[in-house]
Structures are given as structure tokens and as C-alpha cells.
C-alpha atoms as a PDB file:
ATOM      1  CA  MET A   1      -7.243 -22.608-158.845  1.00  0.00           C
ATOM      2  CA  PHE A   2      -6.669 -26.064-157.221  1.00  0.00           C
ATOM      3  CA  ASN A   3      -4.371 -26.523-154.227  1.00  0.00           C
ATOM      4  CA  LEU A   4      -1.682 -29.159-155.241  1.00  0.00           C
ATOM      5  CA  SER A   5      -1.334 -30.304-151.689  1.00  0.00           C
ATOM      6  CA  GLU A   6      -5.214 -30.902-151.453  1.00  0.00           C
ATOM      7  CA  LEU A   7      -5.299 -32.797-154.855  1.00  0.00           C
ATOM      8  CA  HIS A   8      -2.369 -35.095-153.562  1.00  0.00           C
ATOM      9  CA  SER A   9      -4.305 -35.943-150.499  1.00  0.00           C
ATOM     10  CA  ILE A  10      -7.380 -36.816-152.504  1.00  0.00           C
ATOM     11  CA  MET A  11      -5.340 -38.961-154.760  1.00  0.00           C
ATOM     12  CA  GLU A  12      -3.617 -40.742-151.941  1.00  0.00           C
ATOM     13  CA  LYS A  13      -7.026 -41.377-150.235  1.00  0.00           C
ATOM     14  CA  TRP A  14      -8.299 -42.979-153.600  1.00  0.00           C
ATOM     15  CA  GLN A  15      -5.076 -44.701-154.288  1.00  0.00           C
ATOM     16  CA  ASP A  16      -5.558 -46.732-151.116  1.00  0.00           C
ATOM     17  CA  ILE A  17      -9.407 -47.243-151.678  1.00  0.00           C
ATOM     18  CA  LEU A  18      -8.823 -48.545-155.207  1.00  0.00           C
ATOM     19  CA  ARG A  19      -5.800 -50.754-154.302  1.00  0.00           C
ATOM     20  CA  LEU A  20      -3.252 -48.865-156.219  1.00  0.00           C
ATOM     21  CA  ARG A  21      -0.793 -48.421-153.366  1.00  0.00           C
ATOM     22  CA  ASP A  22       1.715 -50.469-155.417  1.00  0.00           C
ATOM     23  CA  TRP A  23       1.766 -47.867-158.216  1.00  0.00           C
ATOM     24  CA  ASP A  24       4.130 -44.852-158.089  1.00  0.00           C
ATOM     25  CA  LEU A  25       1.817 -41.991-158.872  1.00  0.00           C
ATOM     26  CA  LYS A  26       2.610 -38.283-159.886  1.00  0.00           C
ATOM     27  CA  LEU A  27       0.123 -35.495-160.002  1.00  0.00           C
ATOM     28  CA  GLU A  28       0.614 -32.568-162.553  1.00  0.00           C
ATOM     29  CA  LEU A  29      -1.483 -29.528-162.932  1.00  0.00           C
ATOM     30  CA  VAL A  30      -1.888 -28.405-166.583  1.00  0.00           C
ATOM     31  CA  GLU A  31      -1.357 -24.498-166.464  1.00  0.00           C
ATOM     32  CA  LYS A  32      -2.562 -23.693-169.914  1.00  0.00           C
ATOM     33  CA  PRO A  33      -6.114 -23.983-171.656  1.00  0.00           C
ATOM     34  CA  TRP A  34      -6.948 -27.513-172.381  1.00  0.00           C
ATOM     35  CA  ARG A  35      -9.987 -29.383-173.719  1.00  0.00           C
ATOM     36  CA  LYS A  36      -9.878 -32.103-170.889  1.00  0.00           C
ATOM     37  CA  THR A  37     -10.352 -31.788-167.153  1.00  0.00           C
ATOM     38  CA  GLY A  38      -8.168 -34.827-166.313  1.00  0.00           C
ATOM     39  CA  ASP A  39      -6.169 -37.374-168.020  1.00  0.00           C
ATOM     40  CA  VAL A  40      -3.685 -40.193-167.067  1.00  0.00           C
ATOM     41  CA  LYS A  41      -0.686 -41.436-168.805  1.00  0.00           C
ATOM     42  CA  ILE A  42       0.107 -44.934-167.683  1.00  0.00           C
ATOM     43  CA  ASP A  43       3.275 -47.523-167.951  1.00  0.00           C
ATOM     44  CA  LEU A  44       1.662 -50.756-166.912  1.00  0.00           C
ATOM     45  CA  ALA A  45       5.147 -52.657-166.996  1.00  0.00           C
ATOM     46  CA  ASP A  46       6.557 -50.241-164.535  1.00  0.00           C
ATOM     47  CA  LYS A  47       3.399 -49.428-162.665  1.00  0.00           C
ATOM     48  CA  THR A  48       3.810 -45.956-163.001  1.00  0.00           C
ATOM     49  CA  ALA A  49       1.237 -43.189-163.948  1.00  0.00           C
ATOM     50  CA  ILE A  50       0.955 -39.441-164.173  1.00  0.00           C
ATOM     51  CA  VAL A  51      -2.365 -38.015-163.548  1.00  0.00           C
ATOM     52  CA  LEU A  52      -2.853 -34.692-165.310  1.00  0.00           C
ATOM     53  CA  ILE A  53      -5.477 -31.994-163.852  1.00  0.00           C
ATOM     54  CA  ASN A  54      -6.773 -28.975-165.854  1.00  0.00           C
ATOM     55  CA  ASN A  55      -5.898 -26.100-163.634  1.00  0.00           C
ATOM     56  CA  VAL A  56      -7.033 -23.375-166.164  1.00  0.00           C
ATOM     57  CA  ASN A  57     -10.460 -24.183-167.666  1.00  0.00           C
ATOM     58  CA  PRO A  58     -11.745 -27.502-166.236  1.00  0.00           C
ATOM     59  CA  LYS A  59     -14.928 -28.705-167.504  1.00  0.00           C
ATOM     60  CA  VAL A  60     -16.032 -30.741-164.331  1.00  0.00           C
ATOM     61  CA  GLU A  61     -16.451 -28.817-160.951  1.00  0.00           C
ATOM     62  CA  ASN A  62     -16.125 -31.944-158.821  1.00  0.00           C
ATOM     63  CA  ILE A  63     -12.276 -32.542-158.947  1.00  0.00           C
ATOM     64  CA  GLU A  64     -12.455 -35.531-156.434  1.00  0.00           C
ATOM     65  CA  GLU A  65     -14.646 -37.350-159.022  1.00  0.00           C
ATOM     66  CA  VAL A  66     -12.170 -36.414-161.846  1.00  0.00           C
ATOM     67  CA  ILE A  67      -9.382 -38.083-159.711  1.00  0.00           C
ATOM     68  CA  ILE A  68     -11.281 -41.021-158.972  1.00  0.00           C
ATOM     69  CA  HIS A  69     -12.125 -41.458-162.589  1.00  0.00           C
ATOM     70  CA  GLU A  70      -8.439 -40.980-163.693  1.00  0.00           C
ATOM     71  CA  LEU A  71      -7.436 -43.511-161.208  1.00  0.00           C
ATOM     72  CA  LEU A  72     -10.122 -45.974-162.313  1.00  0.00           C
ATOM     73  CA  HIS A  73      -8.393 -45.907-165.764  1.00  0.00           C
ATOM     74  CA  ILE A  74      -5.096 -47.120-164.077  1.00  0.00           C
ATOM     75  CA  LYS A  75      -7.213 -50.051-162.573  1.00  0.00           C
ATOM     76  CA  LEU A  76      -8.871 -50.833-165.988  1.00  0.00           C
ATOM     77  CA  TRP A  77      -5.899 -50.289-168.159  1.00  0.00           C
ATOM     78  CA  GLY A  78      -4.787 -53.904-168.578  1.00  0.00           C
ATOM     79  CA  MET A  79      -8.009 -54.775-169.885  1.00  0.00           C
ATOM     80  CA  ASP A  80      -8.331 -51.652-172.012  1.00  0.00           C
ATOM     81  CA  GLN A  81      -4.903 -52.618-173.645  1.00  0.00           C
ATOM     82  CA  MET A  82      -6.039 -56.197-174.122  1.00  0.00           C
ATOM     83  CA  ILE A  83      -9.344 -55.206-175.802  1.00  0.00           C
ATOM     84  CA  GLU A  84      -7.344 -52.779-178.117  1.00  0.00           C
ATOM     85  CA  ASP A  85      -5.019 -55.603-179.166  1.00  0.00           C
ATOM     86  CA  LEU A  86      -7.990 -57.807-179.782  1.00  0.00           C
ATOM     87  CA  LEU A  87      -9.643 -55.219-182.094  1.00  0.00           C
ATOM     88  CA  HIS A  88      -6.332 -54.928-183.978  1.00  0.00           C
ATOM     89  CA  CYS A  89      -6.182 -58.763-184.427  1.00  0.00           C
ATOM     90  CA  VAL A  90      -9.782 -58.867-185.619  1.00  0.00           C
ATOM     91  CA  TYR A  91      -9.835 -55.619-187.889  1.00  0.00           C
ATOM     92  CA  GLY A  92      -6.068 -55.012-188.647  1.00  0.00           C
ATOM     93  CA  THR A  93      -4.058 -51.814-187.753  1.00  0.00           C
ATOM     94  CA  ASP A  94      -5.242 -49.473-190.788  1.00  0.00           C
ATOM     95  CA  GLU A  95      -6.594 -46.601-189.108  1.00  0.00           C
ATOM     96  CA  SER A  96      -8.429 -45.721-192.253  1.00  0.00           C
ATOM     97  CA  ASP A  97     -10.475 -48.941-192.013  1.00  0.00           C
ATOM     98  CA  PRO A  98     -14.061 -48.059-191.188  1.00  0.00           C
ATOM     99  CA  LYS A  99     -14.882 -51.263-189.450  1.00  0.00           C
ATOM    100  CA  LEU A 100     -11.682 -50.728-187.110  1.00  0.00           C
ATOM    101  CA  ASP A 101     -12.905 -47.135-186.492  1.00  0.00           C
ATOM    102  CA  PHE A 102     -16.209 -48.180-185.762  1.00  0.00           C
ATOM    103  CA  ALA A 103     -15.173 -51.038-183.288  1.00  0.00           C
ATOM    104  CA  ASN A 104     -12.535 -48.651-181.628  1.00  0.00           C
ATOM    105  CA  THR A 105     -15.143 -45.822-181.340  1.00  0.00           C
ATOM    106  CA  GLN A 106     -17.620 -48.020-179.602  1.00  0.00           C
ATOM    107  CA  PHE A 107     -15.108 -49.441-177.317  1.00  0.00           C
ATOM    108  CA  MET A 108     -13.946 -46.198-176.317  1.00  0.00           C
ATOM    109  CA  HIS A 109     -17.263 -44.801-175.752  1.00  0.00           C
ATOM    110  CA  MET A 110     -18.211 -47.786-173.569  1.00  0.00           C
ATOM    111  CA  LEU A 111     -14.858 -47.532-171.658  1.00  0.00           C
ATOM    112  CA  GLU A 112     -15.384 -43.927-170.783  1.00  0.00           C
ATOM    113  CA  GLN A 113     -19.122 -44.370-169.802  1.00  0.00           C
ATOM    114  CA  THR A 114     -18.256 -47.439-167.415  1.00  0.00           C
ATOM    115  CA  THR A 115     -15.269 -45.701-165.978  1.00  0.00           C
ATOM    116  CA  GLN A 116     -17.705 -42.494-165.340  1.00  0.00           C
ATOM    117  CA  ASP A 117     -20.457 -44.590-163.804  1.00  0.00           C
ATOM    118  CA  LEU A 118     -17.910 -46.529-161.524  1.00  0.00           C
ATOM    119  CA  ALA A 119     -16.473 -42.920-160.528  1.00  0.00           C
ATOM    120  CA  LYS A 120     -19.806 -41.808-159.702  1.00  0.00           C
ATOM    121  CA  ALA A 121     -20.485 -44.559-157.673  1.00  0.00           C
ATOM    122  CA  PHE A 122     -17.456 -44.313-155.659  1.00  0.00           C
ATOM    123  CA  ARG A 123     -18.134 -40.609-155.192  1.00  0.00           C
ATOM    124  CA  ASP A 124     -21.353 -41.404-153.746  1.00  0.00           C
ATOM    125  CA  LEU A 125     -19.988 -43.753-151.409  1.00  0.00           C
ATOM    126  CA  GLY A 126     -16.868 -42.121-150.204  1.00  0.00           C
ATOM    127  CA  ALA A 127     -16.080 -38.744-151.658  1.00  0.00           C
ATOM    128  CA  GLU A 128     -15.992 -35.594-149.464  1.00  0.00           C
ATOM    129  CA  ASP A 129     -17.690 -33.786-152.356  1.00  0.00           C
ATOM    130  CA  LYS A 130     -20.798 -35.554-153.539  1.00  0.00           C
ATOM    131  CA  SER A 131     -22.021 -32.890-155.966  1.00  0.00           C
ATOM    132  CA  VAL A 132     -22.879 -33.782-159.449  1.00  0.00           C
ATOM    133  CA  SER A 133     -20.989 -31.816-162.004  1.00  0.00           C
ATOM    134  CA  TYR A 134     -22.937 -30.331-165.112  1.00  0.00           C
ATOM    135  CA  GLY A 135     -19.990 -28.324-166.389  1.00  0.00           C
ATOM    136  CA  ARG A 136     -19.745 -29.922-169.799  1.00  0.00           C
ATOM    137  CA  ILE A 137     -23.299 -29.660-170.668  1.00  0.00           C
ATOM    138  CA  GLN A 138     -24.190 -26.528-168.794  1.00  0.00           C
ATOM    139  CA  PRO A 139     -22.946 -24.113-171.339  1.00  0.00           C
ATOM    140  CA  GLU A 140     -25.232 -25.849-173.792  1.00  0.00           C
ATOM    141  CA  ALA A 141     -28.230 -25.488-171.553  1.00  0.00           C
ATOM    142  CA  ASP A 142     -27.501 -21.951-171.050  1.00  0.00           C
ATOM    143  CA  GLY A 143     -27.142 -21.389-174.768  1.00  0.00           C
ATOM    144  CA  GLU A 144     -30.479 -23.100-175.255  1.00  0.00           C
ATOM    145  CA  TRP A 145     -32.218 -20.894-172.773  1.00  0.00           C
ATOM    146  CA  LYS A 146     -30.702 -17.856-174.042  1.00  0.00           C
ATOM    147  CA  ASN A 147     -31.561 -18.513-177.726  1.00  0.00           C
ATOM    148  CA  SER A 148     -35.231 -19.284-176.634  1.00  0.00           C
ATOM    149  CA  HIS A 149     -35.665 -15.791-174.984  1.00  0.00           C
ATOM    150  CA  GLU A 150     -33.982 -14.021-177.839  1.00  0.00           C
ATOM    151  CA  ALA A 151     -36.215 -15.519-180.535  1.00  0.00           C
END
């Protein structure tokens, strides 16, 4: 589906733009059905990361935007970890505590929304592919349309 060398070129371009050149990055294609389009695993102390890209059933069509998004997670990782530690200081570490669950859920939603907003801004400023991906919500819209005509 995706060409690994093209994805490497995209990642290297954005690694420079986002000032992540001092990081050792690895790109891996996930070759089985997966619920995500992309993810990143980060070792902040060693400044290494592995960017994972869904090569079977991606939900987002603009893969350059996905790579930008995952690289932005690297950029924001230190702040992400600091806030998670702060939440544990305030609410404890009991995962069943509804207060911790609420705070953590709200933080994760805001982190993802902010990361995606930044990824879209960078996409619009410098990506080769500036198209908007509707892949995550298109099936829902298609189902709505189909259901309304069947009724």
C-alpha cells in the first residue's frame, strides 16, 4: 500500500522542519489490521522513537499529515509526561479513581486535539498533499445516507 522509501523521505523532511534532527527515528509499517493509522513509541532519555504506520487499513488518507502528527507527539512528549506526572501527584495512581480517570481523559482529548490542529496547520503550510482526510467519519456519513434511503 505505502512505499516505505517515500514515507522515509516525508519523515526526514518533517524531522528537519520540526527541529527533530537530533532524534534517531525509525519508521515501521504495521502489516496487519489495526485500529490506528499511526502511532509513535518514544524514549525521551535516549532521544529515539519508532513511528508506526498502518499499511493495511489506515483510517486517514493523507499519510503526510499522519507522519507530521506523530512527529509532533515527539515534540510535545516532555510536556505530555510532565502533565501525566502532575495528574498522578494531584489524583494519585489508582486507575479506578473516577477523578483521575476524568482528568486523564480530558488531558488526552486536549493533547490529541492540539496535536491534530498543529498537524493540520503544518500540512497547510508545507505538505505536498494538502487534502483533508475524512476517513474516520466517512463510513458514519455513508451509513447515515444509506439508512435514510432505506427507511
